[in-house]
Amino acid sequence: MELRQLEYFVAVAEERNFTRAAERVHISQSGVSAQIRQLERELGAELFDRSARTATLTAAGRAALDHARAALAAAAAVGQAVGEVTGLIRGRLVVGMVIGCTVTPLFEALSAFHRTHPGVEISLLEDNSDRLVEAVRLGTLDVALVGTAAAPEGLESLTIISERLVALVPESHALAPRRRLTLRDIVDHPIVCMPPGTGLRTVFDGACAARDLRPRIALQAGAADAVADLATRGLGIGVLSESMAAGHRDRLVVRTIDDVETPALLALVWRNGRSPAVREMLAQCGRAFNLPGAPA
């Protein structure tokens, strides 16, 4: 039994798909399948039910999964312990970033990390915030930059940005002359917003639910520029955060939604017991984002 076989087993179990697991561990699907088959022969039991389109764990697979994760964690801890003593940082760092969020300081932090630790393989993955948070919990991501309405339970977090929601309308819109807007004002019109799973949408949906309002989401887009472009064309009232809207004030009227006081957060999240690589990445992020309270 080899550690790589356990790694492939855990990847298939979490992805529930051999193709996605192969992409995750950077080898061919046939290679993953062959190693899983070899592991099953050594254990004397099938670990996956392959009769459906998804790879489902058998009873034997469910019994093995926690032990496989523990074995991989123990192996990683050996390298971390040596790294703590020698000051070396090696291995792989997997960073997640919410879709449509081109935050330059994060790229600066990645660049600085790479210059300082060229022996560490860096991966950057985009997804919606909910899936990124879950991936950090599962350990498939080391650290992620996510949009959220509150610090995720069970994870460490560091807030980068905390901002109010704003509405964006063209100058020709009926609401443009209004100096103050409420949630009820804007839900009488079609809304252009980010999709579910993003922090901004979580704040917006929560505020509407608290007031028993049912907005009509006419269009959804994962990037702030796209939301603003659609609002500019009169397809709906755009909903973004303050900094997302800042670059569009030349073509849109931007108003804070007065009664939505819960801010949308942009935050770094990671698990307890961070590795030396994660600790160094957080330190680089602290410098890049100019955050005096960042972990060191």
C-alpha atoms as a PDB file:
ATOM      1  CA  MET A   1       0.000   0.000   0.000  1.00  0.00           C
ATOM      2  CA  GLU A   2       1.424   3.367  -1.056  1.00  0.00           C
ATOM      3  CA  LEU A   3       0.587   6.891   0.014  1.00  0.00           C
ATOM      4  CA  ARG A   4      -0.178   7.876  -3.560  1.00  0.00           C
ATOM      5  CA  GLN A   5      -2.817   5.136  -3.720  1.00  0.00           C
ATOM      6  CA  LEU A   6      -4.441   6.584  -0.611  1.00  0.00           C
ATOM      7  CA  GLU A   7      -4.247  10.062  -2.134  1.00  0.00           C
ATOM      8  CA  TYR A   8      -6.017   8.862  -5.283  1.00  0.00           C
ATOM      9  CA  PHE A   9      -8.598   6.984  -3.211  1.00  0.00           C
ATOM     10  CA  VAL A  10      -9.424  10.093  -1.172  1.00  0.00           C
ATOM     11  CA  ALA A  11      -9.576  12.237  -4.332  1.00  0.00           C
ATOM     12  CA  VAL A  12     -12.081   9.889  -6.009  1.00  0.00           C
ATOM     13  CA  ALA A  13     -14.129   9.642  -2.804  1.00  0.00           C
ATOM     14  CA  GLU A  14     -14.363  13.432  -2.482  1.00  0.00           C
ATOM     15  CA  GLU A  15     -14.882  14.179  -6.171  1.00  0.00           C
ATOM     16  CA  ARG A  16     -17.162  11.137  -6.703  1.00  0.00           C
ATOM     17  CA  ASN A  17     -15.757  10.981 -10.203  1.00  0.00           C
ATOM     18  CA  PHE A  18     -12.588   9.378 -11.582  1.00  0.00           C
ATOM     19  CA  THR A  19     -12.058  12.039 -14.262  1.00  0.00           C
ATOM     20  CA  ARG A  20     -12.244  14.968 -11.821  1.00  0.00           C
ATOM     21  CA  ALA A  21     -10.050  13.098  -9.352  1.00  0.00           C
ATOM     22  CA  ALA A  22      -7.438  12.549 -12.073  1.00  0.00           C
ATOM     23  CA  GLU A  23      -7.438  16.268 -12.873  1.00  0.00           C
ATOM     24  CA  ARG A  24      -7.011  17.055  -9.194  1.00  0.00           C
ATOM     25  CA  VAL A  25      -3.977  14.793  -8.712  1.00  0.00           C
ATOM     26  CA  HIS A  26      -2.518  15.637 -12.138  1.00  0.00           C
ATOM     27  CA  ILE A  27      -2.335  12.158 -13.677  1.00  0.00           C
ATOM     28  CA  SER A  28      -4.414  10.302 -16.267  1.00  0.00           C
ATOM     29  CA  GLN A  29      -7.751   8.746 -15.413  1.00  0.00           C
ATOM     30  CA  SER A  30      -6.391   5.329 -16.359  1.00  0.00           C
ATOM     31  CA  GLY A  31      -3.536   5.845 -13.906  1.00  0.00           C
ATOM     32  CA  VAL A  32      -5.947   6.654 -11.084  1.00  0.00           C
ATOM     33  CA  SER A  33      -8.138   3.659 -11.951  1.00  0.00           C
ATOM     34  CA  ALA A  34      -5.170   1.298 -12.051  1.00  0.00           C
ATOM     35  CA  GLN A  35      -3.862   2.427  -8.676  1.00  0.00           C
ATOM     36  CA  ILE A  36      -7.307   2.162  -7.078  1.00  0.00           C
ATOM     37  CA  ARG A  37      -7.699  -1.354  -8.487  1.00  0.00           C
ATOM     38  CA  GLN A  38      -4.319  -2.313  -7.057  1.00  0.00           C
ATOM     39  CA  LEU A  39      -5.305  -0.909  -3.667  1.00  0.00           C
ATOM     40  CA  GLU A  40      -8.565  -2.882  -3.763  1.00  0.00           C
ATOM     41  CA  ARG A  41      -6.664  -6.073  -4.529  1.00  0.00           C
ATOM     42  CA  GLU A  42      -4.341  -5.470  -1.575  1.00  0.00           C
ATOM     43  CA  LEU A  43      -7.295  -4.804   0.734  1.00  0.00           C
ATOM     44  CA  GLY A  44      -9.375  -7.638  -0.649  1.00  0.00           C
ATOM     45  CA  ALA A  45     -12.482  -5.495  -1.133  1.00  0.00           C
ATOM     46  CA  GLU A  46     -13.959  -3.056  -3.638  1.00  0.00           C
ATOM     47  CA  LEU A  47     -13.879   0.510  -2.418  1.00  0.00           C
ATOM     48  CA  PHE A  48     -16.231   2.021  -5.009  1.00  0.00           C
ATOM     49  CA  ASP A  49     -19.500   1.065  -6.629  1.00  0.00           C
ATOM     50  CA  ARG A  50     -18.846   1.825 -10.301  1.00  0.00           C
ATOM     51  CA  SER A  51     -22.286   0.829 -11.624  1.00  0.00           C
ATOM     52  CA  ALA A  52     -23.607   4.427 -11.701  1.00  0.00           C
ATOM     53  CA  ARG A  53     -22.258   7.574 -13.336  1.00  0.00           C
ATOM     54  CA  THR A  54     -20.779   8.681 -10.033  1.00  0.00           C
ATOM     55  CA  ALA A  55     -18.191   6.756  -8.038  1.00  0.00           C
ATOM     56  CA  THR A  56     -19.970   5.854  -4.797  1.00  0.00           C
ATOM     57  CA  LEU A  57     -18.171   4.460  -1.765  1.00  0.00           C
ATOM     58  CA  THR A  58     -18.992   0.901  -0.759  1.00  0.00           C
ATOM     59  CA  ALA A  59     -19.248  -0.059   2.897  1.00  0.00           C
ATOM     60  CA  ALA A  60     -15.556  -0.997   2.765  1.00  0.00           C
ATOM     61  CA  GLY A  61     -14.733   2.340   1.164  1.00  0.00           C
ATOM     62  CA  ARG A  62     -16.590   4.282   3.839  1.00  0.00           C
ATOM     63  CA  ALA A  63     -14.738   2.324   6.528  1.00  0.00           C
ATOM     64  CA  ALA A  64     -11.390   3.101   4.882  1.00  0.00           C
ATOM     65  CA  LEU A  65     -11.882   6.799   4.085  1.00  0.00           C
ATOM     66  CA  ASP A  66     -11.208   8.364   7.503  1.00  0.00           C
ATOM     67  CA  HIS A  67      -8.149   6.154   8.001  1.00  0.00           C
ATOM     68  CA  ALA A  68      -6.812   7.100   4.562  1.00  0.00           C
ATOM     69  CA  ARG A  69      -7.223  10.791   5.349  1.00  0.00           C
ATOM     70  CA  ALA A  70      -5.495  10.301   8.687  1.00  0.00           C
ATOM     71  CA  ALA A  71      -2.584   8.496   7.028  1.00  0.00           C
ATOM     72  CA  LEU A  72      -2.133  11.303   4.502  1.00  0.00           C
ATOM     73  CA  ALA A  73      -2.326  13.911   7.250  1.00  0.00           C
ATOM     74  CA  ALA A  74       0.274  12.026   9.282  1.00  0.00           C
ATOM     75  CA  ALA A  75       2.620  11.833   6.289  1.00  0.00           C
ATOM     76  CA  ALA A  76       2.204  15.569   5.673  1.00  0.00           C
ATOM     77  CA  ALA A  77       2.886  16.234   9.351  1.00  0.00           C
ATOM     78  CA  VAL A  78       6.279  14.519   9.035  1.00  0.00           C
ATOM     79  CA  GLY A  79       7.328  17.002   6.376  1.00  0.00           C
ATOM     80  CA  GLN A  80       5.888  19.892   8.358  1.00  0.00           C
ATOM     81  CA  ALA A  81       7.773  18.868  11.483  1.00  0.00           C
ATOM     82  CA  VAL A  82      11.050  18.736   9.589  1.00  0.00           C
ATOM     83  CA  GLY A  83      10.230  22.046   7.951  1.00  0.00           C
ATOM     84  CA  GLU A  84       9.631  23.623  11.340  1.00  0.00           C
ATOM     85  CA  VAL A  85      13.096  22.569  12.457  1.00  0.00           C
ATOM     86  CA  THR A  86      15.020  23.325   9.276  1.00  0.00           C
ATOM     87  CA  GLY A  87      13.074  26.370   8.154  1.00  0.00           C
ATOM     88  CA  LEU A  88      12.468  24.792   4.753  1.00  0.00           C
ATOM     89  CA  ILE A  89       9.075  24.987   3.086  1.00  0.00           C
ATOM     90  CA  ARG A  90       8.420  22.357   0.455  1.00  0.00           C
ATOM     91  CA  GLY A  91       5.549  20.568  -1.212  1.00  0.00           C
ATOM     92  CA  ARG A  92       2.417  22.101  -2.655  1.00  0.00           C
ATOM     93  CA  LEU A  93       0.192  25.069  -1.822  1.00  0.00           C
ATOM     94  CA  VAL A  94      -3.357  25.069  -3.204  1.00  0.00           C
ATOM     95  CA  VAL A  95      -5.080  28.458  -3.077  1.00  0.00           C
ATOM     96  CA  GLY A  96      -8.727  29.133  -3.888  1.00  0.00           C
ATOM     97  CA  MET A  97     -10.179  32.388  -5.204  1.00  0.00           C
ATOM     98  CA  VAL A  98     -13.817  33.343  -5.664  1.00  0.00           C
ATOM     99  CA  ILE A  99     -14.836  33.562  -9.336  1.00  0.00           C
ATOM    100  CA  GLY A 100     -14.705  37.021 -10.870  1.00  0.00           C
ATOM    101  CA  CYS A 101     -12.590  38.485  -8.075  1.00  0.00           C
ATOM    102  CA  THR A 102      -9.369  39.757  -9.643  1.00  0.00           C
ATOM    103  CA  VAL A 103      -7.789  41.087  -6.458  1.00  0.00           C
ATOM    104  CA  THR A 104      -4.297  42.290  -7.330  1.00  0.00           C
ATOM    105  CA  PRO A 105      -2.826  42.011  -3.782  1.00  0.00           C
ATOM    106  CA  LEU A 106      -3.558  38.268  -3.787  1.00  0.00           C
ATOM    107  CA  PHE A 107      -1.521  37.881  -6.970  1.00  0.00           C
ATOM    108  CA  GLU A 108       1.252  39.965  -5.419  1.00  0.00           C
ATOM    109  CA  ALA A 109       1.235  37.667  -2.383  1.00  0.00           C
ATOM    110  CA  LEU A 110       1.450  34.583  -4.611  1.00  0.00           C
ATOM    111  CA  SER A 111       4.334  36.138  -6.527  1.00  0.00           C
ATOM    112  CA  ALA A 112       6.222  37.006  -3.339  1.00  0.00           C
ATOM    113  CA  PHE A 113       5.634  33.503  -1.970  1.00  0.00           C
ATOM    114  CA  HIS A 114       6.961  31.962  -5.181  1.00  0.00           C
ATOM    115  CA  ARG A 115      10.091  34.121  -5.136  1.00  0.00           C
ATOM    116  CA  THR A 116      10.795  33.207  -1.521  1.00  0.00           C
ATOM    117  CA  HIS A 117       9.936  29.500  -1.828  1.00  0.00           C
ATOM    118  CA  PRO A 118      10.499  28.435  -5.448  1.00  0.00           C
ATOM    119  CA  GLY A 119      10.458  24.760  -4.450  1.00  0.00           C
ATOM    120  CA  VAL A 120       6.749  24.880  -3.544  1.00  0.00           C
ATOM    121  CA  GLU A 121       4.294  24.060  -6.322  1.00  0.00           C
ATOM    122  CA  ILE A 122       1.464  26.628  -6.316  1.00  0.00           C
ATOM    123  CA  SER A 123      -2.016  25.964  -7.662  1.00  0.00           C
ATOM    124  CA  LEU A 124      -4.742  28.610  -7.960  1.00  0.00           C
ATOM    125  CA  LEU A 125      -8.358  27.474  -8.382  1.00  0.00           C
ATOM    126  CA  GLU A 126     -11.518  29.540  -8.960  1.00  0.00           C
ATOM    127  CA  ASP A 127     -14.968  28.566  -7.704  1.00  0.00           C
ATOM    128  CA  ASN A 128     -17.936  30.059  -5.897  1.00  0.00           C
ATOM    129  CA  SER A 129     -17.431  30.888  -2.253  1.00  0.00           C
ATOM    130  CA  ASP A 130     -19.575  28.110  -0.786  1.00  0.00           C
ATOM    131  CA  ARG A 131     -17.619  25.410  -2.611  1.00  0.00           C
ATOM    132  CA  LEU A 132     -14.289  27.039  -1.738  1.00  0.00           C
ATOM    133  CA  VAL A 133     -15.164  27.059   1.960  1.00  0.00           C
ATOM    134  CA  GLU A 134     -16.151  23.387   1.811  1.00  0.00           C
ATOM    135  CA  ALA A 135     -12.909  22.540  -0.001  1.00  0.00           C
ATOM    136  CA  VAL A 136     -10.905  24.230   2.776  1.00  0.00           C
ATOM    137  CA  ARG A 137     -12.848  22.207   5.350  1.00  0.00           C
ATOM    138  CA  LEU A 138     -12.075  18.995   3.456  1.00  0.00           C
ATOM    139  CA  GLY A 139      -8.400  19.912   3.121  1.00  0.00           C
ATOM    140  CA  THR A 140      -8.362  19.995  -0.691  1.00  0.00           C
ATOM    141  CA  LEU A 141      -7.566  23.721  -0.495  1.00  0.00           C
ATOM    142  CA  ASP A 142      -4.988  25.159   1.895  1.00  0.00           C
ATOM    143  CA  VAL A 143      -6.312  28.709   1.959  1.00  0.00           C
ATOM    144  CA  ALA A 144      -9.014  30.550   0.007  1.00  0.00           C
ATOM    145  CA  LEU A 145     -10.129  34.092  -0.670  1.00  0.00           C
ATOM    146  CA  VAL A 146     -13.928  34.037  -0.440  1.00  0.00           C
ATOM    147  CA  GLY A 147     -16.916  36.316  -0.335  1.00  0.00           C
ATOM    148  CA  THR A 148     -19.081  35.681   2.696  1.00  0.00           C
ATOM    149  CA  ALA A 149     -21.720  37.161   4.951  1.00  0.00           C
ATOM    150  CA  ALA A 150     -20.008  35.931   8.131  1.00  0.00           C
ATOM    151  CA  ALA A 151     -16.861  34.094   9.178  1.00  0.00           C
ATOM    152  CA  PRO A 152     -17.363  30.396   8.250  1.00  0.00           C
ATOM    153  CA  GLU A 153     -17.818  28.144  11.261  1.00  0.00           C
ATOM    154  CA  GLY A 154     -14.955  25.799  12.093  1.00  0.00           C
ATOM    155  CA  LEU A 155     -12.368  27.717  10.096  1.00  0.00           C
ATOM    156  CA  GLU A 156      -9.880  30.460  10.816  1.00  0.00           C
ATOM    157  CA  SER A 157     -10.536  33.654   8.865  1.00  0.00           C
ATOM    158  CA  LEU A 158      -9.129  37.099   8.235  1.00  0.00           C
ATOM    159  CA  THR A 159     -11.378  39.831   6.818  1.00  0.00           C
ATOM    160  CA  ILE A 160      -9.860  41.727   3.903  1.00  0.00           C
ATOM    161  CA  ILE A 161     -12.820  43.939   3.003  1.00  0.00           C
ATOM    162  CA  SER A 162     -16.098  44.654   4.826  1.00  0.00           C
ATOM    163  CA  GLU A 163     -18.504  46.741   2.766  1.00  0.00           C
ATOM    164  CA  ARG A 164     -22.152  47.724   2.435  1.00  0.00           C
ATOM    165  CA  LEU A 165     -24.271  46.712  -0.550  1.00  0.00           C
ATOM    166  CA  VAL A 166     -25.069  49.334  -3.181  1.00  0.00           C
ATOM    167  CA  ALA A 167     -27.545  49.629  -6.046  1.00  0.00           C
ATOM    168  CA  LEU A 168     -26.455  50.707  -9.523  1.00  0.00           C
ATOM    169  CA  VAL A 169     -28.827  52.334 -12.021  1.00  0.00           C
ATOM    170  CA  PRO A 170     -28.396  54.352 -15.251  1.00  0.00           C
ATOM    171  CA  GLU A 171     -28.975  58.105 -15.004  1.00  0.00           C
ATOM    172  CA  SER A 172     -32.203  57.646 -16.985  1.00  0.00           C
ATOM    173  CA  HIS A 173     -33.671  55.246 -14.413  1.00  0.00           C
ATOM    174  CA  ALA A 174     -36.653  56.318 -12.306  1.00  0.00           C
ATOM    175  CA  LEU A 175     -34.686  55.765  -9.090  1.00  0.00           C
ATOM    176  CA  ALA A 176     -31.618  57.750 -10.190  1.00  0.00           C
ATOM    177  CA  PRO A 177     -32.768  61.101  -8.683  1.00  0.00           C
ATOM    178  CA  ARG A 178     -33.378  59.492  -5.272  1.00  0.00           C
ATOM    179  CA  ARG A 179     -30.643  60.245  -2.740  1.00  0.00           C
ATOM    180  CA  ARG A 180     -31.635  57.332  -0.494  1.00  0.00           C
ATOM    181  CA  LEU A 181     -32.759  53.846  -1.479  1.00  0.00           C
ATOM    182  CA  THR A 182     -34.124  50.985   0.574  1.00  0.00           C
ATOM    183  CA  LEU A 183     -34.361  47.320  -0.224  1.00  0.00           C
ATOM    184  CA  ARG A 184     -38.101  47.649  -0.838  1.00  0.00           C
ATOM    185  CA  ASP A 185     -37.433  50.414  -3.377  1.00  0.00           C
ATOM    186  CA  ILE A 186     -35.190  48.257  -5.522  1.00  0.00           C
ATOM    187  CA  VAL A 187     -37.044  44.924  -5.363  1.00  0.00           C
ATOM    188  CA  ASP A 188     -39.932  46.555  -7.212  1.00  0.00           C
ATOM    189  CA  HIS A 189     -37.616  46.371 -10.247  1.00  0.00           C
ATOM    190  CA  PRO A 190     -35.692  43.536 -11.978  1.00  0.00           C
ATOM    191  CA  ILE A 191     -32.371  42.815 -10.255  1.00  0.00           C
ATOM    192  CA  VAL A 192     -28.978  42.012 -11.737  1.00  0.00           C
ATOM    193  CA  CYS A 193     -26.874  40.252  -9.112  1.00  0.00           C
ATOM    194  CA  MET A 194     -24.166  37.705  -8.491  1.00  0.00           C
ATOM    195  CA  PRO A 195     -25.213  34.035  -8.365  1.00  0.00           C
ATOM    196  CA  PRO A 196     -26.017  31.955  -5.273  1.00  0.00           C
ATOM    197  CA  GLY A 197     -22.921  30.729  -3.464  1.00  0.00           C
ATOM    198  CA  THR A 198     -21.283  34.157  -3.457  1.00  0.00           C
ATOM    199  CA  GLY A 199     -20.987  36.214  -0.300  1.00  0.00           C
ATOM    200  CA  LEU A 200     -22.679  39.236  -1.814  1.00  0.00           C
ATOM    201  CA  ARG A 201     -25.693  37.183  -2.910  1.00  0.00           C
ATOM    202  CA  THR A 202     -25.914  35.583   0.546  1.00  0.00           C
ATOM    203  CA  VAL A 203     -26.143  39.020   2.154  1.00  0.00           C
ATOM    204  CA  PHE A 204     -28.717  40.219  -0.373  1.00  0.00           C
ATOM    205  CA  ASP A 205     -30.917  37.120  -0.124  1.00  0.00           C
ATOM    206  CA  GLY A 206     -30.730  37.165   3.671  1.00  0.00           C
ATOM    207  CA  ALA A 207     -31.771  40.821   3.832  1.00  0.00           C
ATOM    208  CA  CYS A 208     -34.725  40.172   1.502  1.00  0.00           C
ATOM    209  CA  ALA A 209     -35.843  37.113   3.474  1.00  0.00           C
ATOM    210  CA  ALA A 210     -35.695  39.063   6.760  1.00  0.00           C
ATOM    211  CA  ARG A 211     -38.178  41.564   5.308  1.00  0.00           C
ATOM    212  CA  ASP A 212     -40.302  38.949   3.529  1.00  0.00           C
ATOM    213  CA  LEU A 213     -39.375  40.466   0.158  1.00  0.00           C
ATOM    214  CA  ARG A 214     -39.169  38.357  -2.995  1.00  0.00           C
ATOM    215  CA  PRO A 215     -36.874  40.038  -5.523  1.00  0.00           C
ATOM    216  CA  ARG A 216     -37.028  39.140  -9.188  1.00  0.00           C
ATOM    217  CA  ILE A 217     -33.477  38.214 -10.162  1.00  0.00           C
ATOM    218  CA  ALA A 218     -33.575  38.974 -13.878  1.00  0.00           C
ATOM    219  CA  LEU A 219     -29.925  38.214 -14.640  1.00  0.00           C
ATOM    220  CA  GLN A 220     -26.930  36.766 -12.794  1.00  0.00           C
ATOM    221  CA  ALA A 221     -23.230  37.266 -13.464  1.00  0.00           C
ATOM    222  CA  GLY A 222     -20.148  36.155 -11.577  1.00  0.00           C
ATOM    223  CA  ALA A 223     -18.050  39.265 -12.295  1.00  0.00           C
ATOM    224  CA  ALA A 224     -18.699  42.789 -11.023  1.00  0.00           C
ATOM    225  CA  ASP A 225     -17.948  44.306 -14.451  1.00  0.00           C
ATOM    226  CA  ALA A 226     -20.612  42.106 -16.023  1.00  0.00           C
ATOM    227  CA  VAL A 227     -23.216  43.104 -13.418  1.00  0.00           C
ATOM    228  CA  ALA A 228     -22.404  46.780 -14.059  1.00  0.00           C
ATOM    229  CA  ASP A 229     -22.531  46.352 -17.858  1.00  0.00           C
ATOM    230  CA  LEU A 230     -25.957  44.721 -17.667  1.00  0.00           C
ATOM    231  CA  ALA A 231     -27.239  47.460 -15.356  1.00  0.00           C
ATOM    232  CA  THR A 232     -25.874  50.120 -17.730  1.00  0.00           C
ATOM    233  CA  ARG A 233     -27.997  48.639 -20.507  1.00  0.00           C
ATOM    234  CA  GLY A 234     -31.140  48.953 -18.429  1.00  0.00           C
ATOM    235  CA  LEU A 235     -31.646  45.227 -17.903  1.00  0.00           C
ATOM    236  CA  GLY A 236     -32.071  45.567 -14.157  1.00  0.00           C
ATOM    237  CA  ILE A 237     -30.811  47.286 -11.017  1.00  0.00           C
ATOM    238  CA  GLY A 238     -27.282  46.109 -10.309  1.00  0.00           C
ATOM    239  CA  VAL A 239     -26.387  45.019  -6.775  1.00  0.00           C
ATOM    240  CA  LEU A 240     -22.712  45.054  -5.792  1.00  0.00           C
ATOM    241  CA  SER A 241     -20.488  46.049  -2.893  1.00  0.00           C
ATOM    242  CA  GLU A 242     -19.017  49.540  -2.563  1.00  0.00           C
ATOM    243  CA  SER A 243     -15.552  48.779  -3.957  1.00  0.00           C
ATOM    244  CA  MET A 244     -16.975  46.647  -6.788  1.00  0.00           C
ATOM    245  CA  ALA A 245     -19.086  49.619  -7.883  1.00  0.00           C
ATOM    246  CA  ALA A 246     -16.339  52.228  -7.494  1.00  0.00           C
ATOM    247  CA  GLY A 247     -15.037  51.946 -11.049  1.00  0.00           C
ATOM    248  CA  HIS A 248     -18.466  52.390 -12.618  1.00  0.00           C
ATOM    249  CA  ARG A 249     -19.579  55.728 -11.172  1.00  0.00           C
ATOM    250  CA  ASP A 250     -18.796  57.449 -14.478  1.00  0.00           C
ATOM    251  CA  ARG A 251     -21.695  55.656 -16.182  1.00  0.00           C
ATOM    252  CA  LEU A 252     -24.005  54.584 -13.348  1.00  0.00           C
ATOM    253  CA  VAL A 253     -25.643  56.208 -10.343  1.00  0.00           C
ATOM    254  CA  VAL A 254     -24.526  54.337  -7.220  1.00  0.00           C
ATOM    255  CA  ARG A 255     -26.574  54.438  -4.007  1.00  0.00           C
ATOM    256  CA  THR A 256     -26.020  52.604  -0.727  1.00  0.00           C
ATOM    257  CA  ILE A 257     -28.977  50.387   0.164  1.00  0.00           C
ATOM    258  CA  ASP A 258     -29.760  52.087   3.467  1.00  0.00           C
ATOM    259  CA  ASP A 259     -31.492  49.279   5.317  1.00  0.00           C
ATOM    260  CA  VAL A 260     -29.048  46.492   4.430  1.00  0.00           C
ATOM    261  CA  GLU A 261     -26.567  46.979   7.235  1.00  0.00           C
ATOM    262  CA  THR A 262     -24.988  43.492   7.154  1.00  0.00           C
ATOM    263  CA  PRO A 263     -21.759  43.930   5.191  1.00  0.00           C
ATOM    264  CA  ALA A 264     -20.462  41.711   2.442  1.00  0.00           C
ATOM    265  CA  LEU A 265     -17.074  40.367   3.476  1.00  0.00           C
ATOM    266  CA  LEU A 266     -14.055  39.365   1.441  1.00  0.00           C
ATOM    267  CA  ALA A 267     -11.974  37.106   3.655  1.00  0.00           C
ATOM    268  CA  LEU A 268      -9.115  34.645   3.713  1.00  0.00           C
ATOM    269  CA  VAL A 269     -10.106  31.314   5.271  1.00  0.00           C
ATOM    270  CA  TRP A 270      -7.980  28.353   6.351  1.00  0.00           C
ATOM    271  CA  ARG A 271      -8.084  25.397   8.741  1.00  0.00           C
ATOM    272  CA  ASN A 272      -6.658  25.232  12.246  1.00  0.00           C
ATOM    273  CA  GLY A 273      -3.163  23.759  12.507  1.00  0.00           C
ATOM    274  CA  ARG A 274      -1.886  25.556   9.433  1.00  0.00           C
ATOM    275  CA  SER A 275       1.248  24.256   7.717  1.00  0.00           C
ATOM    276  CA  PRO A 276       4.453  26.293   7.335  1.00  0.00           C
ATOM    277  CA  ALA A 277       3.464  26.980   3.708  1.00  0.00           C
ATOM    278  CA  VAL A 278       0.036  28.295   4.730  1.00  0.00           C
ATOM    279  CA  ARG A 279       1.572  30.366   7.519  1.00  0.00           C
ATOM    280  CA  GLU A 280       4.011  31.947   5.055  1.00  0.00           C
ATOM    281  CA  MET A 281       1.251  32.569   2.498  1.00  0.00           C
ATOM    282  CA  LEU A 282      -0.874  34.298   5.140  1.00  0.00           C
ATOM    283  CA  ALA A 283       2.099  36.464   6.096  1.00  0.00           C
ATOM    284  CA  GLN A 284       2.602  37.414   2.447  1.00  0.00           C
ATOM    285  CA  CYS A 285      -1.112  38.243   2.153  1.00  0.00           C
ATOM    286  CA  GLY A 286      -0.877  40.387   5.270  1.00  0.00           C
ATOM    287  CA  ARG A 287       1.901  42.413   3.665  1.00  0.00           C
ATOM    288  CA  ALA A 288       0.226  42.607   0.234  1.00  0.00           C
ATOM    289  CA  PHE A 289      -3.148  43.681   1.659  1.00  0.00           C
ATOM    290  CA  ASN A 290      -1.464  45.891   4.284  1.00  0.00           C
ATOM    291  CA  LEU A 291      -3.186  44.117   7.175  1.00  0.00           C
ATOM    292  CA  PRO A 292      -1.370  44.767  10.462  1.00  0.00           C
ATOM    293  CA  GLY A 293      -3.305  41.998  12.262  1.00  0.00           C
ATOM    294  CA  ALA A 294      -2.481  39.251   9.765  1.00  0.00           C
ATOM    295  CA  PRO A 295      -1.063  35.945  11.098  1.00  0.00           C
ATOM    296  CA  ALA A 296       2.705  35.725  11.008  1.00  0.00           C
END
